[in-house]
Amino acid sequence: MALVDEKEVTIKHHRTREAQLTHELALLKRHRYGRRSEGMSDHQVSLLQEQIDEDMAAMETELAQVAVENPPKARKQSPKRNPLPPQLPRAVIRHEPDSTLCSCGCQMTRIGEDVSEKLDYEPGTFRVEQHVRGKWACQSCETITQSPVELHVIDRGIPTTGLLAQVLVSKYADHLPLYRQQQIYARAEVELSRSTLSDWVGRCGVELAPLVDRLQEILKGHGVLHADETPVSMLAPGQKKTHRAYVWAYSTTRYSRVQGVVYDFCPTRAGSEVRSFLEGWSGKLVCDDYSGYKASFGLGVTEIGCMAHARRKFHDLYVANDSPVANRALQYIRLLYDIERETATMDVPARREYRQEKAKPLLDKYRLWLIGQREKVTNGTATAKAIDYSLKRWDALTCYAADGDVPIDNNQVENQIRPWALGRSNWLFAGSLCSGQRAANIMSLIQSAKLNNLNPNAYLKGVMERLPTIRYSELDELLPHNWKAPVNRE
């Protein structure tokens, strides 16, 4: 009998181990991993050059903004610019003085004009905007009057805000590196060097940064936020290889009046990055079980769990071995989500009341069932781990039922982190913290525009048209949730 008991223990151990391996094998078959090589190919070096050019342009713009008055003039060669292709259609935009009556009372005479050309882009077509600024002179007092040059995000440059918006959206929303954009534009018989495109991106990133800083302040004024993170490769300083950096995403909930997301590019996944971003904020944070968030929970931040993460544990278990325990757990969670769909259009008090009436009793029943099932399964099995995840985080997972402002899961921000996962295969890596944060800033505006049902291209174009002349006190007008499309000048 002792031998039989020993064999039964051995068989039970082998069965448990077999279940673990079967589960892990099924997961491996469902997930494909990218290449791990940190060596840089010629193609990657080419992409790095783009980001170096962008960083240099951004730094030059920032230096120009903080330059002292009357700096020493350096000898500078005028760059030679190729003329814009003559076959492109041209839209002539005339700028004349509001009045051609001289201050001395005489009627002024037109004596000439200055013509400057800017390259514009509308989806699928290029055209040239020809700005004609007439010169008017008074023959009596020899006074010359001319309409002033309009302020632009890139002074004395050839791109219109429409073309700049196209370049930014193509790179950060459509995941097209600049070398691919260069090829696309060349097919339209427009030659734009990568260094020129990089210069535009770098300068736009600096000009748009104050908007993202303001959006961050507004997000931190809300009591409930989502948070998530994803890895991004970044070039190691002084080395031709990459290391892992992280992009953190913070967004408002789908119940919030303000819909927005802000990305923060950080060199590490340390919890200090979260504490730095959320400094001074003490609301409710919806997040996964990553330990980096834990320190914030001791500083006044309340932890809110994600039911979708708990469900994922059982879903993986069910897919791996058709587990009846996992199937039953999924049925409970499906009923909870059915209740959430019914509360989607309710206001906050009504949603809380409905959850207390419908979801709270179901959650209590689900917890008792989980405890009963846990007593029946062996420690270390995939089933035990799935159940333990829910039971150990039960308070965080279920506190949404007592607050109509709190969502049931973290899907809102996970959907906003997805574009970075798509972009990784195209950008390959960030060249520096500067280029990484620039990408984070521009993508914050693009994704926030999408959350507010705005066309990112039209939004960025309109913002960059107003940005050079707007006062800081009016900056909120340019944020996606406040944006009103400008009246068409034509």
Protein backbone atom coordinates (compact mmCIF):
# COMPACT_ATOMS: atom_id res chain seq x y z
CA MET A 1 0.00 0.00 0.00
CA ALA A 2 2.91 2.35 0.70
CA LEU A 3 4.22 1.65 -2.82
CA VAL A 4 0.79 2.41 -4.31
CA ASP A 5 0.55 5.66 -2.37
CA GLU A 6 4.02 6.65 -3.56
CA LYS A 7 3.09 5.93 -7.18
CA GLU A 8 -0.12 7.95 -6.86
CA VAL A 9 1.88 10.96 -5.61
CA THR A 10 4.29 10.55 -8.54
CA ILE A 11 1.44 10.27 -11.05
CA LYS A 12 -0.25 13.38 -9.61
CA HIS A 13 3.01 15.30 -9.85
CA HIS A 14 3.52 14.26 -13.48
CA ARG A 15 -0.05 15.16 -14.38
CA THR A 16 0.34 18.61 -12.84
CA ARG A 17 3.59 19.18 -14.68
CA GLU A 18 2.04 17.95 -17.92
CA ALA A 19 -0.83 20.39 -17.54
CA GLN A 20 1.64 23.24 -16.98
CA LEU A 21 3.70 22.36 -20.04
CA THR A 22 0.60 21.89 -22.20
CA HIS A 23 -0.67 25.31 -21.16
CA GLU A 24 2.66 27.02 -21.83
CA LEU A 25 3.04 25.26 -25.19
CA ALA A 26 -0.41 26.41 -26.26
CA LEU A 27 0.46 30.00 -25.34
CA LEU A 28 3.71 29.81 -27.28
CA LYS A 29 1.89 28.63 -30.35
CA ARG A 30 -0.55 31.54 -30.09
CA HIS A 31 2.08 34.22 -29.68
CA ARG A 32 4.87 35.02 -32.09
CA TYR A 33 7.94 36.80 -30.84
CA GLY A 34 9.97 39.33 -32.79
CA ARG A 35 13.66 39.08 -33.54
CA ARG A 36 15.99 39.56 -30.55
CA SER A 37 19.09 40.63 -32.44
CA GLU A 38 20.47 43.98 -31.30
CA GLY A 39 22.78 44.38 -34.26
CA MET A 40 22.03 47.26 -36.60
CA SER A 41 21.64 46.77 -40.32
CA ASP A 42 22.27 49.46 -42.95
CA HIS A 43 18.51 50.03 -43.07
CA GLN A 44 18.39 50.68 -39.32
CA VAL A 45 21.35 53.07 -39.55
CA SER A 46 19.45 54.97 -42.25
CA LEU A 47 16.44 55.31 -39.96
CA LEU A 48 18.72 56.47 -37.16
CA GLN A 49 19.99 59.30 -39.37
CA GLU A 50 16.42 60.56 -39.76
CA GLN A 51 15.99 60.77 -36.01
CA ILE A 52 19.37 62.44 -35.51
CA ASP A 53 18.34 65.12 -38.03
CA GLU A 54 15.01 65.54 -36.24
CA ASP A 55 16.77 65.90 -32.86
CA MET A 56 19.15 68.52 -34.26
CA ALA A 57 16.26 70.53 -35.74
CA ALA A 58 14.35 70.31 -32.45
CA MET A 59 17.36 71.42 -30.43
CA GLU A 60 18.05 74.32 -32.82
CA THR A 61 14.43 75.46 -32.47
CA GLU A 62 14.56 75.28 -28.66
CA LEU A 63 17.86 77.20 -28.64
CA ALA A 64 16.32 79.85 -30.87
CA GLN A 65 13.42 80.23 -28.43
CA VAL A 66 15.72 80.91 -25.48
CA ALA A 67 18.38 82.93 -27.33
CA VAL A 68 19.48 86.25 -25.76
CA GLU A 69 18.69 89.50 -27.51
CA ASN A 70 21.16 90.74 -30.14
CA PRO A 71 23.26 87.55 -30.30
CA PRO A 72 26.52 87.75 -32.26
CA LYS A 73 25.83 87.19 -35.91
CA ALA A 74 27.60 84.18 -37.39
CA ARG A 75 28.53 83.99 -41.01
CA LYS A 76 25.94 81.84 -42.65
CA GLN A 77 25.72 80.59 -46.18
CA SER A 78 22.33 80.86 -47.84
CA PRO A 79 21.11 77.35 -48.67
CA LYS A 80 20.37 76.67 -52.29
CA ARG A 81 16.79 75.54 -52.79
CA ASN A 82 15.61 73.80 -55.91
CA PRO A 83 12.65 75.53 -57.56
CA LEU A 84 9.30 73.84 -57.13
CA PRO A 85 8.22 71.78 -60.15
CA PRO A 86 6.54 74.06 -62.73
CA GLN A 87 4.00 71.38 -63.68
CA LEU A 88 2.33 71.45 -60.25
CA PRO A 89 -0.94 73.40 -60.12
CA ARG A 90 -0.65 76.79 -58.49
CA ALA A 91 -3.15 78.60 -56.34
CA VAL A 92 -2.45 82.33 -56.34
CA ILE A 93 -3.21 83.97 -53.00
CA ARG A 94 -3.00 87.75 -53.08
CA HIS A 95 -2.15 89.87 -50.05
CA GLU A 96 -2.83 93.59 -50.33
CA PRO A 97 -2.84 96.35 -47.71
CA ASP A 98 -6.16 97.07 -46.05
CA SER A 99 -5.95 100.59 -47.43
CA THR A 100 -3.99 102.05 -50.37
CA LEU A 101 -4.54 105.59 -49.18
CA CYS A 102 -1.32 107.10 -47.85
CA SER A 103 -1.24 108.76 -44.45
CA CYS A 104 -0.57 112.05 -46.28
CA GLY A 105 -3.92 111.70 -48.06
CA CYS A 106 -2.66 110.68 -51.53
CA GLN A 107 -3.74 107.56 -53.40
CA MET A 108 -0.86 105.09 -53.62
CA THR A 109 0.26 103.48 -56.87
CA ARG A 110 1.14 99.81 -57.24
CA ILE A 111 4.84 99.61 -58.16
CA GLY A 112 5.47 95.89 -58.04
CA GLU A 113 5.10 92.74 -55.99
CA ASP A 114 7.02 90.01 -54.17
CA VAL A 115 6.19 86.39 -54.94
CA SER A 116 6.99 83.52 -52.58
CA GLU A 117 5.97 79.89 -53.07
CA LYS A 118 5.03 77.27 -50.51
CA LEU A 119 4.49 73.61 -51.19
CA ASP A 120 1.06 72.44 -50.10
CA TYR A 121 -0.39 68.95 -49.88
CA GLU A 122 -3.95 67.74 -49.95
CA PRO A 123 -4.47 63.99 -49.60
CA GLY A 124 -3.28 62.52 -52.88
CA THR A 125 -2.16 65.75 -54.60
CA PHE A 126 0.47 68.43 -54.38
CA ARG A 127 -0.07 72.03 -55.36
CA VAL A 128 1.91 75.23 -55.00
CA GLU A 129 0.53 78.17 -53.06
CA GLN A 130 1.84 81.31 -54.73
CA HIS A 131 1.66 84.19 -52.27
CA VAL A 132 1.69 87.54 -54.11
CA ARG A 133 2.28 90.55 -51.86
CA GLY A 134 1.72 93.74 -53.80
CA LYS A 135 3.93 96.78 -53.24
CA TRP A 136 2.19 100.14 -53.08
CA ALA A 137 4.01 103.47 -53.15
CA CYS A 138 2.97 107.03 -52.57
CA GLN A 139 4.59 109.30 -55.17
CA SER A 140 4.19 112.37 -52.96
CA CYS A 141 5.94 111.20 -49.80
CA GLU A 142 7.76 108.19 -51.33
CA THR A 143 6.22 105.76 -48.82
CA ILE A 144 5.98 102.05 -49.68
CA THR A 145 3.28 99.84 -48.17
CA GLN A 146 3.06 96.06 -48.38
CA SER A 147 1.01 93.40 -46.59
CA PRO A 148 3.16 91.72 -43.90
CA VAL A 149 4.26 88.11 -44.21
CA GLU A 150 2.00 85.82 -42.21
CA LEU A 151 3.60 84.07 -39.23
CA HIS A 152 4.28 80.37 -39.76
CA VAL A 153 5.46 77.49 -37.58
CA ILE A 154 8.51 77.25 -39.86
CA ASP A 155 9.55 80.74 -40.89
CA ARG A 156 10.84 81.17 -44.45
CA GLY A 157 10.20 77.49 -45.16
CA ILE A 158 8.43 76.06 -48.19
CA PRO A 159 5.91 73.75 -46.46
CA THR A 160 2.37 74.83 -45.71
CA THR A 161 0.72 73.60 -42.53
CA GLY A 162 -1.18 71.11 -44.71
CA LEU A 163 2.05 69.48 -45.85
CA LEU A 164 3.51 69.50 -42.32
CA ALA A 165 0.38 67.82 -40.98
CA GLN A 166 0.61 65.20 -43.73
CA VAL A 167 4.24 64.38 -42.86
CA LEU A 168 3.47 64.09 -39.13
CA VAL A 169 0.33 61.98 -39.55
CA SER A 170 2.04 59.72 -42.10
CA LYS A 171 4.94 59.06 -39.74
CA TYR A 172 3.18 58.78 -36.41
CA ALA A 173 -0.33 57.61 -37.31
CA ASP A 174 0.29 55.66 -40.53
CA HIS A 175 3.73 54.42 -39.39
CA LEU A 176 5.54 55.55 -42.56
CA PRO A 177 9.23 56.37 -41.91
CA LEU A 178 10.51 59.47 -43.68
CA TYR A 179 12.46 57.51 -46.29
CA ARG A 180 9.19 55.91 -47.43
CA GLN A 181 7.48 59.27 -47.56
CA GLN A 182 10.38 60.60 -49.63
CA GLN A 183 9.79 57.82 -52.15
CA ILE A 184 6.04 58.52 -52.27
CA TYR A 185 6.60 62.24 -52.88
CA ALA A 186 9.20 61.50 -55.55
CA ARG A 187 6.56 59.58 -57.51
CA ALA A 188 4.58 62.84 -57.56
CA GLU A 189 7.68 64.53 -59.04
CA VAL A 190 8.45 66.40 -55.81
CA GLU A 191 11.98 65.86 -54.51
CA LEU A 192 12.19 66.33 -50.74
CA SER A 193 15.34 65.16 -49.00
CA ARG A 194 15.12 63.18 -45.80
CA SER A 195 17.16 65.83 -44.01
CA THR A 196 14.53 68.42 -44.99
CA LEU A 197 11.67 66.21 -43.78
CA SER A 198 13.57 65.50 -40.55
CA ASP A 199 14.07 69.21 -40.00
CA TRP A 200 10.33 69.84 -40.37
CA VAL A 201 9.41 67.04 -37.94
CA GLY A 202 11.89 68.21 -35.32
CA ARG A 203 10.72 71.81 -35.43
CA CYS A 204 7.03 70.87 -35.33
CA GLY A 205 7.66 68.63 -32.33
CA VAL A 206 9.06 71.56 -30.35
CA GLU A 207 6.24 73.93 -31.35
CA LEU A 208 3.53 71.41 -30.38
CA ALA A 209 5.07 70.47 -27.00
CA PRO A 210 3.25 73.20 -24.96
CA LEU A 211 -0.09 71.77 -26.07
CA VAL A 212 0.81 68.33 -24.69
CA ASP A 213 2.03 69.85 -21.41
CA ARG A 214 -1.32 71.59 -21.04
CA LEU A 215 -3.22 68.40 -21.93
CA GLN A 216 -1.29 66.58 -19.18
CA GLU A 217 -2.36 69.21 -16.64
CA ILE A 218 -6.00 68.81 -17.66
CA LEU A 219 -5.86 64.99 -17.44
CA LYS A 220 -4.44 65.23 -13.92
CA GLY A 221 -7.47 67.30 -12.97
CA HIS A 222 -9.65 64.16 -13.31
CA GLY A 223 -10.28 61.76 -10.45
CA VAL A 224 -9.99 58.55 -12.49
CA LEU A 225 -7.24 57.76 -15.01
CA HIS A 226 -6.08 54.73 -16.97
CA ALA A 227 -2.40 53.75 -17.21
CA ASP A 228 -0.47 51.21 -19.26
CA GLU A 229 3.02 50.81 -20.72
CA THR A 230 4.74 49.10 -23.65
CA PRO A 231 8.42 48.55 -24.54
CA VAL A 232 10.16 50.46 -27.35
CA SER A 233 13.75 49.94 -28.46
CA MET A 234 16.04 52.96 -28.00
CA LEU A 235 19.58 53.40 -29.23
CA ALA A 236 22.12 53.09 -26.43
CA PRO A 237 24.20 56.29 -26.18
CA GLY A 238 27.55 55.92 -27.94
CA GLN A 239 26.82 52.36 -29.05
CA LYS A 240 25.48 50.83 -32.23
CA LYS A 241 22.93 48.71 -30.44
CA THR A 242 19.61 49.23 -28.75
CA HIS A 243 18.22 48.75 -25.28
CA ARG A 244 14.65 48.64 -24.00
CA ALA A 245 12.87 51.89 -23.19
CA TYR A 246 9.17 52.30 -22.38
CA VAL A 247 6.22 54.41 -23.42
CA TRP A 248 3.65 55.00 -20.68
CA ALA A 249 0.12 55.98 -21.65
CA TYR A 250 -2.33 57.84 -19.40
CA SER A 251 -5.91 58.53 -20.48
CA THR A 252 -9.27 59.61 -19.16
CA THR A 253 -12.09 57.07 -18.94
CA ARG A 254 -14.80 56.64 -21.55
CA TYR A 255 -17.23 58.21 -19.05
CA SER A 256 -15.24 61.44 -18.85
CA ARG A 257 -16.36 64.64 -20.58
CA VAL A 258 -12.75 65.24 -21.65
CA GLN A 259 -11.42 62.51 -23.94
CA GLY A 260 -7.65 62.53 -24.16
CA VAL A 261 -4.47 60.50 -23.86
CA VAL A 262 -0.91 61.58 -23.05
CA TYR A 263 2.17 59.45 -23.74
CA ASP A 264 5.35 59.68 -21.68
CA PHE A 265 8.58 58.27 -23.14
CA CYS A 266 10.91 56.97 -20.42
CA PRO A 267 14.27 55.16 -20.43
CA THR A 268 13.11 52.53 -17.93
CA ARG A 269 10.04 50.73 -16.59
CA ALA A 270 10.74 51.82 -13.02
CA GLY A 271 7.83 52.84 -10.84
CA SER A 272 9.51 56.21 -10.34
CA GLU A 273 8.47 57.12 -13.90
CA VAL A 274 4.79 56.75 -12.92
CA ARG A 275 5.27 58.71 -9.70
CA SER A 276 7.03 61.49 -11.59
CA PHE A 277 4.20 61.82 -14.14
CA LEU A 278 1.43 61.63 -11.52
CA GLU A 279 3.18 63.85 -8.97
CA GLY A 280 0.59 65.74 -6.95
CA TRP A 281 -2.29 63.56 -8.21
CA SER A 282 -4.26 61.39 -5.77
CA GLY A 283 -7.11 59.85 -7.73
CA LYS A 284 -8.08 56.33 -8.81
CA LEU A 285 -5.70 54.61 -11.23
CA VAL A 286 -6.94 51.78 -13.48
CA CYS A 287 -3.98 49.54 -14.26
CA ASP A 288 -2.68 45.99 -14.46
CA ASP A 289 -0.82 44.12 -11.70
CA TYR A 290 2.64 45.45 -12.61
CA SER A 291 4.67 46.12 -9.46
CA GLY A 292 5.83 49.52 -10.72
CA TYR A 293 2.45 51.00 -9.81
CA LYS A 294 2.50 49.72 -6.22
CA ALA A 295 4.55 52.54 -4.68
CA SER A 296 2.01 55.10 -5.95
CA PHE A 297 -0.74 53.32 -3.99
CA GLY A 298 1.02 54.27 -0.78
CA LEU A 299 1.04 57.93 -1.79
CA GLY A 300 -2.68 58.55 -1.96
CA VAL A 301 -3.45 56.86 -5.31
CA THR A 302 -6.21 54.22 -5.24
CA GLU A 303 -5.69 50.99 -7.18
CA ILE A 304 -8.40 49.92 -9.64
CA GLY A 305 -8.02 46.45 -11.16
CA CYS A 306 -8.74 45.35 -14.72
CA MET A 307 -11.37 42.65 -15.18
CA ALA A 308 -10.15 42.08 -18.75
CA HIS A 309 -6.76 40.96 -17.38
CA ALA A 310 -8.46 38.54 -14.99
CA ARG A 311 -10.59 37.23 -17.85
CA ARG A 312 -7.50 36.77 -20.03
CA LYS A 313 -6.04 34.29 -17.54
CA PHE A 314 -9.10 32.06 -17.86
CA HIS A 315 -9.37 32.57 -21.61
CA ASP A 316 -5.78 31.35 -22.13
CA LEU A 317 -6.54 28.37 -19.90
CA TYR A 318 -9.70 27.54 -21.82
CA VAL A 319 -8.00 27.80 -25.22
CA ALA A 320 -5.09 25.63 -24.03
CA ASN A 321 -7.01 22.62 -22.67
CA ASP A 322 -10.77 23.34 -22.85
CA SER A 323 -10.90 23.67 -19.05
CA PRO A 324 -14.45 23.46 -17.62
CA VAL A 325 -13.40 25.66 -14.68
CA ALA A 326 -12.17 28.35 -17.08
CA ASN A 327 -15.34 28.03 -19.13
CA ARG A 328 -17.51 28.64 -16.08
CA ALA A 329 -15.40 31.61 -14.98
CA LEU A 330 -15.76 33.13 -18.47
CA GLN A 331 -19.54 32.77 -18.21
CA TYR A 332 -19.58 34.73 -14.93
CA ILE A 333 -17.41 37.48 -16.42
CA ARG A 334 -19.57 37.63 -19.55
CA LEU A 335 -22.61 38.34 -17.36
CA LEU A 336 -20.71 41.17 -15.66
CA TYR A 337 -19.91 42.71 -19.05
CA ASP A 338 -23.55 42.34 -20.11
CA ILE A 339 -24.45 44.53 -17.14
CA GLU A 340 -21.81 47.08 -18.16
CA ARG A 341 -23.26 47.35 -21.66
CA GLU A 342 -26.63 48.16 -20.11
CA THR A 343 -25.09 51.02 -18.08
CA ALA A 344 -23.19 52.58 -21.01
CA THR A 345 -25.62 55.47 -21.53
CA MET A 346 -26.47 56.06 -17.85
CA ASP A 347 -25.23 58.99 -15.79
CA VAL A 348 -22.86 58.39 -12.87
CA PRO A 349 -25.43 58.00 -10.02
CA ALA A 350 -27.69 55.74 -12.12
CA ARG A 351 -24.72 53.59 -13.17
CA ARG A 352 -23.60 53.13 -9.57
CA GLU A 353 -27.10 52.23 -8.43
CA TYR A 354 -27.57 49.72 -11.24
CA ARG A 355 -24.20 48.09 -10.52
CA GLN A 356 -25.08 47.76 -6.85
CA GLU A 357 -28.36 46.14 -7.76
CA LYS A 358 -27.16 43.82 -10.52
CA ALA A 359 -23.37 43.44 -10.47
CA LYS A 360 -22.71 43.33 -6.72
CA PRO A 361 -24.75 40.14 -6.01
CA LEU A 362 -23.20 38.46 -9.08
CA LEU A 363 -19.69 39.39 -7.92
CA ASP A 364 -20.36 37.93 -4.46
CA LYS A 365 -21.59 34.70 -6.00
CA TYR A 366 -18.61 34.57 -8.38
CA ARG A 367 -16.14 35.02 -5.49
CA LEU A 368 -17.66 32.16 -3.48
CA TRP A 369 -17.45 29.94 -6.55
CA LEU A 370 -13.77 30.86 -7.08
CA ILE A 371 -12.94 30.03 -3.45
CA GLY A 372 -14.68 26.66 -3.77
CA GLN A 373 -12.85 25.81 -6.99
CA ARG A 374 -9.49 26.87 -5.54
CA GLU A 375 -9.81 24.28 -2.78
CA LYS A 376 -10.16 21.56 -5.40
CA VAL A 377 -7.12 22.32 -7.57
CA THR A 378 -3.44 21.65 -6.94
CA ASN A 379 -1.03 24.47 -6.18
CA GLY A 380 1.10 25.49 -9.14
CA THR A 381 -1.33 24.51 -11.87
CA ALA A 382 -2.48 26.98 -14.49
CA THR A 383 -5.99 26.80 -13.05
CA ALA A 384 -4.73 27.66 -9.56
CA LYS A 385 -2.74 30.62 -10.93
CA ALA A 386 -5.74 31.97 -12.84
CA ILE A 387 -7.97 31.76 -9.76
CA ASP A 388 -5.29 33.23 -7.48
CA TYR A 389 -4.90 36.27 -9.75
CA SER A 390 -8.56 37.18 -9.26
CA LEU A 391 -8.78 36.37 -5.54
CA LYS A 392 -5.60 38.23 -4.59
CA ARG A 393 -6.76 41.39 -6.42
CA TRP A 394 -10.45 41.00 -5.58
CA ASP A 395 -10.88 44.39 -3.88
CA ALA A 396 -9.22 46.24 -6.78
CA LEU A 397 -11.17 44.24 -9.38
CA THR A 398 -14.58 44.85 -7.82
CA CYS A 399 -14.46 48.41 -6.47
CA TYR A 400 -15.89 49.63 -9.77
CA ALA A 401 -19.29 48.36 -8.59
CA ALA A 402 -19.40 51.05 -5.90
CA ASP A 403 -18.39 53.98 -8.14
CA GLY A 404 -20.19 55.03 -11.33
CA ASP A 405 -17.10 56.94 -12.53
CA VAL A 406 -14.85 53.87 -12.50
CA PRO A 407 -14.68 51.50 -15.52
CA ILE A 408 -14.65 47.72 -15.24
CA ASP A 409 -11.38 47.29 -17.15
CA ASN A 410 -8.33 49.02 -18.60
CA ASN A 411 -9.29 48.53 -22.26
CA GLN A 412 -9.61 52.28 -22.88
CA VAL A 413 -5.88 52.88 -22.56
CA GLU A 414 -4.85 49.51 -23.98
CA ASN A 415 -6.51 50.54 -27.22
CA GLN A 416 -4.46 53.74 -27.15
CA ILE A 417 -1.18 51.89 -26.60
CA ARG A 418 -1.77 49.70 -29.65
CA PRO A 419 -0.47 52.23 -32.22
CA TRP A 420 2.95 52.02 -30.58
CA ALA A 421 2.98 48.26 -31.05
CA LEU A 422 2.19 48.79 -34.73
CA GLY A 423 4.81 51.51 -35.06
CA ARG A 424 7.61 49.43 -33.53
CA SER A 425 7.90 47.26 -36.66
CA ASN A 426 8.27 50.37 -38.83
CA TRP A 427 10.33 52.76 -36.71
CA LEU A 428 12.45 49.85 -35.35
CA PHE A 429 13.81 52.06 -32.54
CA ALA A 430 13.96 55.56 -31.08
CA GLY A 431 17.24 57.35 -31.68
CA SER A 432 17.24 59.16 -28.33
CA LEU A 433 15.09 60.31 -25.43
CA CYS A 434 14.54 63.53 -27.37
CA SER A 435 13.14 61.77 -30.45
CA GLY A 436 11.16 59.35 -28.28
CA GLN A 437 9.46 62.15 -26.35
CA ARG A 438 8.84 64.06 -29.58
CA ALA A 439 7.04 61.03 -30.98
CA ALA A 440 5.11 60.73 -27.71
CA ASN A 441 4.01 64.38 -27.90
CA ILE A 442 2.85 64.24 -31.51
CA MET A 443 1.08 60.91 -31.00
CA SER A 444 -0.64 62.31 -27.89
CA LEU A 445 -2.28 64.96 -30.07
CA ILE A 446 -3.07 62.55 -32.92
CA GLN A 447 -4.68 59.91 -30.70
CA SER A 448 -6.54 62.51 -28.64
CA ALA A 449 -7.91 63.93 -31.89
CA LYS A 450 -9.16 60.46 -32.84
CA LEU A 451 -10.79 60.05 -29.42
CA ASN A 452 -12.72 63.24 -30.12
CA ASN A 453 -13.76 62.07 -33.60
CA LEU A 454 -11.50 64.59 -35.34
CA ASN A 455 -9.56 64.07 -38.54
CA PRO A 456 -5.93 64.14 -37.25
CA ASN A 457 -4.67 65.66 -40.50
CA ALA A 458 -7.20 68.50 -40.51
CA TYR A 459 -6.75 69.02 -36.77
CA LEU A 460 -2.96 69.37 -36.88
CA LYS A 461 -3.19 71.62 -39.93
CA GLY A 462 -5.63 73.94 -38.17
CA VAL A 463 -3.61 73.94 -34.94
CA MET A 464 -0.35 74.84 -36.67
CA GLU A 465 -2.09 77.65 -38.56
CA ARG A 466 -3.18 79.26 -35.28
CA LEU A 467 -0.21 78.32 -33.07
CA PRO A 468 2.20 81.14 -34.14
CA THR A 469 -0.26 83.90 -33.22
CA ILE A 470 -2.20 82.51 -30.25
CA ARG A 471 -1.64 83.71 -26.68
CA TYR A 472 -0.77 81.24 -23.94
CA SER A 473 -4.05 82.01 -22.18
CA GLU A 474 -5.86 80.79 -25.31
CA LEU A 475 -3.90 77.54 -25.59
CA ASP A 476 -6.82 75.45 -24.34
CA GLU A 477 -8.74 76.35 -27.50
CA LEU A 478 -6.26 74.26 -29.51
CA LEU A 479 -6.68 71.08 -27.46
CA PRO A 480 -8.57 68.27 -29.21
CA HIS A 481 -11.57 68.21 -26.84
CA ASN A 482 -12.08 71.99 -27.32
CA TRP A 483 -11.22 72.19 -31.00
CA LYS A 484 -13.47 74.06 -33.39
CA ALA A 485 -12.55 73.87 -37.06
CA PRO A 486 -11.55 77.28 -38.47
CA VAL A 487 -13.74 78.95 -41.05
CA ASN A 488 -12.52 78.25 -44.60
CA ARG A 489 -10.68 81.31 -45.86
CA GLU A 490 -11.80 80.65 -49.39
